[in-house]
Amino acid sequence: MADNINYNEERATHSFVSNKQLPWHRKGQIVDGAMTSEEAIILANLDYEVRKDKVAVILPPDAEKSAKFVPNTYATYRADTLAVFGIVSDRYEIVQNTNAFAFMDSIVGKGKAIYETAGALGEGETTFITAKLPYHITINGYDTIENYLVVSNGHDGKSSLNIFLTPIRVVCANTLAVGLQNNKFRINLRHTTSINSKLEQAKDILKISSTITEDMQETLTHLTNIKVDDKQAIKYFNGLFLNKDEIRRLAIEDVTFDKSSDISSRKKNVLKAVNKFYHTGVGQSKILGTGYGVYNAVNGYLSNDKKYANENKRMESLILGGSEFKLNNKALEAALALDY
């Protein structure tokens, strides 16, 4: 399955639920209104238990024993389907899906209808929960940015439990980088024996989130006041997607990126897509010619136009600290630098 959403054969449903928005690739369930944790965990098929048991090797028929346990080696797996997630050590501690929801409830309030999306990828080894926080900001009286708290949990022994804040520009669903470059707003917990106690400590993230909202308001408002002409916009985009040698050759040849024979077709297509989003993308008409406009052209492309192998790769790259996440942060820093 290209989107990598888990399919629950017993219930004949995909393990994804979303509030009002169409689920990925039209798979999963859609509800009219935010959900409570009790509703979300059932509708997203996340009510399964993860277990950890010793790993045994099957010995050849002529051996004295039929099987032998491998020292300090365990496997994590689903109790309902018996799908094996990964190999771990005896120090690995499981955080059940119910515990992840309980953590979210402890922050935003148990029983409150604030859950926007929830789901599982692959065999269920990766899960995610998104809750809308009860405050937002508005830029220049019309551009609303909402804050979401996200928990992504891995059961395969390779993935950490990630807790982070994600600002979303409502008009175009862009994932903004404002504040996300600060590690205080991104918590990564390894599945060691202390993870559940550390999860308790992470509740302070809500107190910190009020600070990020104030900083976000100030930063984005400042970007709207930075004036950018078309020549500066092209230079800004080139600086993000081309290397120094390619930029130098463009200057020597005195041509635009689409006229140069030294720029690859792939990069040309990316720059064309970003430039198109800048001029005609959703929510761009009121912010053209500003630092806010060029920045949103980049994260708009990354959030909405760029193609990813599947939703797992999209989450890893754009939200969980991968290459697109880093580029989003770089784009924000470059846009702020346009004021100097």
Protein backbone atom coordinates (compact mmCIF):
# COMPACT_ATOMS: atom_id res chain seq x y z
CA MET A 1 0.00 0.00 0.00
CA ALA A 2 1.61 3.26 -1.16
CA ASP A 3 0.31 5.32 1.77
CA ASN A 4 1.45 2.68 4.33
CA ILE A 5 -1.69 3.04 6.46
CA ASN A 6 -2.34 -0.07 8.53
CA TYR A 7 -5.36 -2.16 7.52
CA ASN A 8 -7.26 -3.98 10.25
CA GLU A 9 -8.55 -7.16 8.61
CA GLU A 10 -10.79 -8.15 11.51
CA ARG A 11 -12.66 -4.81 11.42
CA ALA A 12 -12.17 -4.33 7.66
CA THR A 13 -11.12 -0.71 8.17
CA HIS A 14 -7.93 1.29 7.71
CA SER A 15 -6.30 2.45 10.94
CA PHE A 16 -6.81 6.15 10.42
CA VAL A 17 -9.43 8.60 11.62
CA SER A 18 -9.68 12.31 10.85
CA ASN A 19 -11.87 15.22 11.89
CA LYS A 20 -13.75 16.50 8.81
CA GLN A 21 -10.70 16.26 6.53
CA LEU A 22 -10.54 13.48 3.94
CA PRO A 23 -8.22 10.75 5.25
CA TRP A 24 -5.04 9.97 3.28
CA HIS A 25 -5.91 8.47 -0.10
CA ARG A 26 -9.58 8.34 1.03
CA LYS A 27 -8.77 5.45 3.37
CA GLY A 28 -9.85 5.46 6.99
CA GLN A 29 -12.77 7.05 8.75
CA ILE A 30 -13.93 10.65 8.90
CA VAL A 31 -15.89 12.15 11.77
CA ASP A 32 -17.84 15.38 12.03
CA GLY A 33 -16.06 17.14 14.87
CA ALA A 34 -13.05 16.60 17.10
CA MET A 35 -12.94 13.36 19.10
CA THR A 36 -12.30 12.41 22.68
CA SER A 37 -9.44 9.99 23.36
CA GLU A 38 -11.90 7.15 23.96
CA GLU A 39 -13.47 7.72 20.52
CA ALA A 40 -10.19 8.24 18.66
CA ILE A 41 -8.41 5.15 19.93
CA ILE A 42 -11.29 2.89 18.81
CA LEU A 43 -11.99 4.60 15.48
CA ALA A 44 -8.28 4.55 14.56
CA ASN A 45 -7.90 0.86 15.54
CA LEU A 46 -5.25 1.74 18.11
CA ASP A 47 -6.78 -0.32 20.92
CA TYR A 48 -4.27 -3.15 20.61
CA GLU A 49 -1.68 -4.26 23.14
CA VAL A 50 2.02 -4.43 22.33
CA ARG A 51 4.00 -7.21 23.99
CA LYS A 52 7.67 -8.14 24.39
CA ASP A 53 8.83 -11.76 24.54
CA LYS A 54 12.11 -13.67 24.28
CA VAL A 55 13.43 -14.61 20.86
CA ALA A 56 14.24 -18.26 20.15
CA VAL A 57 16.13 -19.80 17.26
CA ILE A 58 14.72 -22.93 15.64
CA LEU A 59 17.49 -25.54 15.70
CA PRO A 60 18.09 -28.21 13.01
CA PRO A 61 16.35 -31.61 13.41
CA ASP A 62 19.53 -33.37 14.54
CA ALA A 63 20.09 -30.98 17.49
CA GLU A 64 19.41 -32.05 21.06
CA LYS A 65 16.78 -29.34 21.42
CA SER A 66 14.25 -28.05 18.93
CA ALA A 67 14.78 -24.39 19.90
CA LYS A 68 17.05 -22.21 21.98
CA PHE A 69 16.48 -18.74 23.41
CA VAL A 70 18.82 -15.97 22.22
CA PRO A 71 20.38 -14.20 25.24
CA ASN A 72 19.16 -10.64 25.94
CA THR A 73 17.11 -10.61 22.74
CA TYR A 74 13.38 -9.91 22.60
CA ALA A 75 10.77 -9.21 19.96
CA THR A 76 7.95 -6.67 20.16
CA TYR A 77 4.67 -7.68 18.58
CA ARG A 78 0.93 -7.04 18.46
CA ALA A 79 -1.10 -9.22 20.79
CA ASP A 80 -4.10 -9.33 18.42
CA THR A 81 -2.48 -10.08 15.04
CA LEU A 82 0.89 -11.40 16.32
CA ALA A 83 2.64 -9.17 13.77
CA VAL A 84 6.28 -8.81 14.84
CA PHE A 85 7.50 -5.21 14.98
CA GLY A 86 11.20 -5.51 15.78
CA ILE A 87 14.03 -6.94 17.86
CA VAL A 88 14.91 -5.21 21.14
CA SER A 89 16.96 -5.77 24.31
CA ASP A 90 15.73 -6.46 27.82
CA ARG A 91 16.06 -2.72 28.60
CA TYR A 92 13.43 -1.80 26.02
CA GLU A 93 10.23 -0.51 27.63
CA ILE A 94 6.92 -0.41 25.77
CA VAL A 95 4.69 2.64 25.82
CA GLN A 96 1.22 1.34 25.02
CA ASN A 97 -1.04 3.33 22.70
CA THR A 98 -3.42 3.82 25.62
CA ASN A 99 -0.57 5.40 27.62
CA ALA A 100 0.18 7.82 24.78
CA PHE A 101 -3.47 8.92 24.78
CA ALA A 102 -3.42 9.17 28.56
CA PHE A 103 -0.41 11.50 28.28
CA MET A 104 -2.31 13.72 25.83
CA ASP A 105 -5.36 13.71 28.11
CA SER A 106 -3.21 14.78 31.06
CA ILE A 107 -2.15 17.87 29.10
CA VAL A 108 -5.33 18.99 27.39
CA GLY A 109 -7.92 17.47 29.73
CA LYS A 110 -9.52 14.03 29.78
CA GLY A 111 -12.84 13.76 28.00
CA LYS A 112 -12.36 16.93 25.95
CA ALA A 113 -13.11 16.66 22.24
CA ILE A 114 -9.82 17.93 20.86
CA TYR A 115 -8.33 15.00 18.92
CA GLU A 116 -8.03 15.78 15.21
CA THR A 117 -6.30 12.72 13.75
CA ALA A 118 -4.98 9.36 14.90
CA GLY A 119 -3.67 6.32 13.11
CA ALA A 120 -1.15 3.54 12.63
CA LEU A 121 1.32 2.85 9.83
CA GLY A 122 2.69 -0.43 8.51
CA GLU A 123 1.65 -3.34 10.72
CA GLY A 124 0.98 -0.89 13.55
CA GLU A 125 4.62 -0.38 14.52
CA THR A 126 4.27 3.42 14.15
CA THR A 127 1.35 5.33 15.65
CA PHE A 128 0.50 9.01 15.79
CA ILE A 129 -1.99 11.24 17.58
CA THR A 130 -2.73 14.89 16.84
CA ALA A 131 -4.64 17.18 19.20
CA LYS A 132 -5.57 20.81 18.58
CA LEU A 133 -4.51 23.11 21.40
CA PRO A 134 -7.07 25.64 22.65
CA TYR A 135 -5.31 28.77 21.36
CA HIS A 136 -4.18 30.17 18.04
CA ILE A 137 -2.81 33.38 16.57
CA THR A 138 -3.96 35.61 13.73
CA ILE A 139 -1.55 37.53 11.52
CA ASN A 140 -2.73 40.95 10.32
CA GLY A 141 -6.30 40.12 11.25
CA TYR A 142 -6.92 37.45 8.59
CA ASP A 143 -4.23 34.74 8.55
CA THR A 144 -4.89 32.15 11.28
CA ILE A 145 -2.21 29.82 12.64
CA GLU A 146 -3.39 26.94 14.84
CA ASN A 147 -1.22 24.95 17.23
CA TYR A 148 -1.26 21.16 17.37
CA LEU A 149 0.35 18.79 19.83
CA VAL A 150 1.59 15.60 18.18
CA VAL A 151 2.73 12.32 19.69
CA SER A 152 4.41 9.80 17.39
CA ASN A 153 5.31 6.46 18.94
CA GLY A 154 7.37 3.60 17.49
CA HIS A 155 7.10 -0.01 18.68
CA ASP A 156 9.83 -1.46 16.45
CA GLY A 157 12.91 -0.78 18.58
CA LYS A 158 14.23 1.74 16.06
CA SER A 159 11.90 4.69 16.65
CA SER A 160 11.68 6.97 19.66
CA LEU A 161 8.56 8.43 21.19
CA ASN A 162 8.34 11.97 19.82
CA ILE A 163 6.33 14.83 21.31
CA PHE A 164 6.28 18.15 19.50
CA LEU A 165 4.28 21.25 18.68
CA THR A 166 3.30 21.87 15.07
CA PRO A 167 1.93 25.25 13.93
CA ILE A 168 -0.38 24.89 10.91
CA ARG A 169 -1.43 27.77 8.65
CA VAL A 170 -5.16 27.15 8.30
CA VAL A 171 -5.80 28.63 4.85
CA CYS A 172 -3.42 26.24 3.08
CA ALA A 173 -2.48 23.61 5.71
CA ASN A 174 1.20 24.60 5.58
CA THR A 175 3.39 23.16 8.32
CA LEU A 176 5.35 26.13 9.68
CA ALA A 177 8.80 25.97 11.24
CA VAL A 178 8.31 28.85 13.66
CA GLY A 179 9.65 27.82 17.05
CA LEU A 180 10.24 24.24 15.95
CA GLN A 181 13.97 24.77 15.53
CA ASN A 182 14.13 25.15 19.31
CA ASN A 183 14.62 21.75 20.93
CA LYS A 184 12.52 22.83 23.91
CA PHE A 185 9.47 22.28 21.74
CA ARG A 186 10.50 18.84 20.48
CA ILE A 187 10.94 15.99 22.94
CA ASN A 188 12.42 12.66 21.85
CA LEU A 189 12.27 9.81 24.35
CA ARG A 190 14.08 6.51 23.83
CA HIS A 191 12.30 3.34 24.90
CA THR A 192 14.51 2.65 27.90
CA THR A 193 13.37 1.64 31.38
CA SER A 194 12.90 5.30 32.36
CA ILE A 195 10.68 6.34 29.45
CA ASN A 196 7.38 6.34 31.32
CA SER A 197 8.77 8.53 34.11
CA LYS A 198 10.23 10.90 31.50
CA LEU A 199 6.84 10.98 29.82
CA GLU A 200 5.43 12.41 33.04
CA GLN A 201 8.06 15.16 33.00
CA ALA A 202 7.17 16.04 29.41
CA LYS A 203 3.81 17.40 30.53
CA ASP A 204 5.51 20.76 31.00
CA ILE A 205 5.44 21.16 27.21
CA LEU A 206 2.03 22.83 27.46
CA LYS A 207 3.44 25.55 29.70
CA ILE A 208 6.19 26.15 27.16
CA SER A 209 3.72 26.21 24.26
CA SER A 210 2.26 29.55 25.39
CA THR A 211 5.73 31.03 24.92
CA ILE A 212 6.05 29.67 21.40
CA THR A 213 2.70 31.24 20.50
CA GLU A 214 3.86 34.69 21.55
CA ASP A 215 7.16 34.28 19.69
CA MET A 216 5.33 33.00 16.60
CA GLN A 217 3.01 36.01 16.52
CA GLU A 218 5.95 38.40 16.68
CA THR A 219 8.07 36.53 14.10
CA LEU A 220 5.36 36.07 11.48
CA THR A 221 4.08 39.63 11.82
CA HIS A 222 7.65 40.81 11.29
CA LEU A 223 7.88 38.72 8.10
CA THR A 224 4.78 40.42 6.67
CA ASN A 225 6.56 43.78 7.00
CA ILE A 226 9.65 42.69 5.03
CA LYS A 227 9.25 43.86 1.42
CA VAL A 228 10.49 41.51 -1.31
CA ASP A 229 10.50 42.20 -5.07
CA ASP A 230 10.41 39.47 -7.73
CA LYS A 231 14.19 39.52 -8.23
CA GLN A 232 14.78 39.07 -4.50
CA ALA A 233 12.20 36.27 -4.39
CA ILE A 234 13.97 34.32 -7.14
CA LYS A 235 17.34 34.83 -5.41
CA TYR A 236 15.78 33.60 -2.15
CA PHE A 237 14.42 30.41 -3.76
CA ASN A 238 17.68 29.77 -5.64
CA GLY A 239 19.60 30.07 -2.39
CA LEU A 240 17.51 27.33 -0.81
CA PHE A 241 17.40 24.79 -3.63
CA LEU A 242 20.64 25.34 -5.56
CA ASN A 243 24.21 24.81 -4.39
CA LYS A 244 26.82 27.58 -4.37
CA ASP A 245 28.43 26.43 -7.62
CA GLU A 246 25.08 26.44 -9.45
CA ILE A 247 24.30 29.93 -8.15
CA ARG A 248 27.76 31.14 -9.22
CA ARG A 249 27.30 29.76 -12.74
CA LEU A 250 23.91 31.45 -13.06
CA ALA A 251 25.55 34.77 -12.22
CA ILE A 252 28.33 34.22 -14.77
CA GLU A 253 25.92 33.15 -17.51
CA ASP A 254 23.48 35.93 -16.52
CA VAL A 255 20.47 33.66 -17.06
CA THR A 256 17.55 32.46 -14.92
CA PHE A 257 17.49 28.94 -13.49
CA ASP A 258 15.08 27.67 -16.19
CA LYS A 259 17.38 28.88 -19.00
CA SER A 260 20.57 27.35 -17.63
CA SER A 261 21.90 24.10 -19.08
CA ASP A 262 23.83 23.43 -15.87
CA ILE A 263 20.76 23.07 -13.63
CA SER A 264 19.21 19.59 -13.49
CA SER A 265 15.66 19.05 -14.70
CA ARG A 266 14.67 17.91 -11.20
CA LYS A 267 15.81 21.16 -9.58
CA LYS A 268 14.25 23.23 -12.37
CA ASN A 269 10.91 21.52 -11.75
CA VAL A 270 11.16 22.12 -7.99
CA LEU A 271 11.95 25.82 -8.48
CA LYS A 272 9.12 26.18 -10.99
CA ALA A 273 6.72 24.59 -8.49
CA VAL A 274 7.87 26.86 -5.67
CA ASN A 275 7.64 29.97 -7.85
CA LYS A 276 4.16 28.92 -8.98
CA PHE A 277 3.04 28.45 -5.37
CA TYR A 278 4.48 31.85 -4.50
CA HIS A 279 2.35 33.59 -7.11
CA THR A 280 -0.82 31.48 -7.24
CA GLY A 281 -0.82 29.17 -4.20
CA VAL A 282 -3.67 29.10 -1.70
CA GLY A 283 -3.42 32.02 0.72
CA GLN A 284 -0.67 33.81 -1.24
CA SER A 285 -2.60 36.70 -2.81
CA LYS A 286 -2.47 38.91 0.31
CA ILE A 287 1.16 38.22 1.17
CA LEU A 288 2.91 38.49 -2.22
CA GLY A 289 5.94 40.73 -2.11
CA THR A 290 6.75 39.99 1.53
CA GLY A 291 9.11 37.80 3.53
CA TYR A 292 6.02 35.94 4.77
CA GLY A 293 5.03 35.27 1.17
CA VAL A 294 8.34 33.76 0.05
CA TYR A 295 8.61 31.67 3.22
CA ASN A 296 5.09 30.28 2.78
CA ALA A 297 5.86 29.46 -0.85
CA VAL A 298 8.57 27.08 0.33
CA ASN A 299 6.67 25.41 3.17
CA GLY A 300 3.55 25.38 0.99
CA TYR A 301 5.44 23.38 -1.62
CA LEU A 302 6.90 21.04 1.01
CA SER A 303 3.55 20.57 2.77
CA ASN A 304 1.18 20.30 -0.17
CA ASP A 305 2.88 19.86 -3.54
CA LYS A 306 5.97 17.73 -2.96
CA LYS A 307 5.45 14.01 -3.55
CA TYR A 308 6.60 11.57 -0.87
CA ALA A 309 6.99 7.79 -1.17
CA ASN A 310 4.30 7.28 1.48
CA GLU A 311 2.82 9.04 4.50
CA ASN A 312 5.40 7.48 6.81
CA LYS A 313 8.20 9.08 4.77
CA ARG A 314 6.28 12.35 4.64
CA MET A 315 5.96 12.43 8.43
CA GLU A 316 9.59 11.49 8.98
CA SER A 317 10.91 14.06 6.51
CA LEU A 318 8.62 17.03 7.08
CA ILE A 319 7.66 16.74 10.75
CA LEU A 320 10.00 14.39 12.61
CA GLY A 321 13.25 16.19 11.82
CA GLY A 322 14.15 14.89 8.36
CA SER A 323 15.50 16.79 5.34
CA GLU A 324 12.34 18.78 4.57
CA PHE A 325 11.99 19.77 8.23
CA LYS A 326 15.54 21.16 8.13
CA LEU A 327 14.85 22.94 4.83
CA ASN A 328 11.71 24.50 6.33
CA ASN A 329 13.79 25.89 9.19
CA LYS A 330 16.44 27.13 6.76
CA ALA A 331 13.72 28.87 4.72
CA LEU A 332 12.48 30.68 7.83
CA GLU A 333 15.97 31.86 8.76
CA ALA A 334 16.62 33.01 5.17
CA ALA A 335 13.33 34.93 5.07
CA LEU A 336 14.17 36.73 8.32
CA ALA A 337 17.60 37.57 6.90
CA LEU A 338 15.95 39.45 4.01
CA ASP A 339 15.46 42.32 6.44
CA TYR A 340 19.21 42.96 6.64
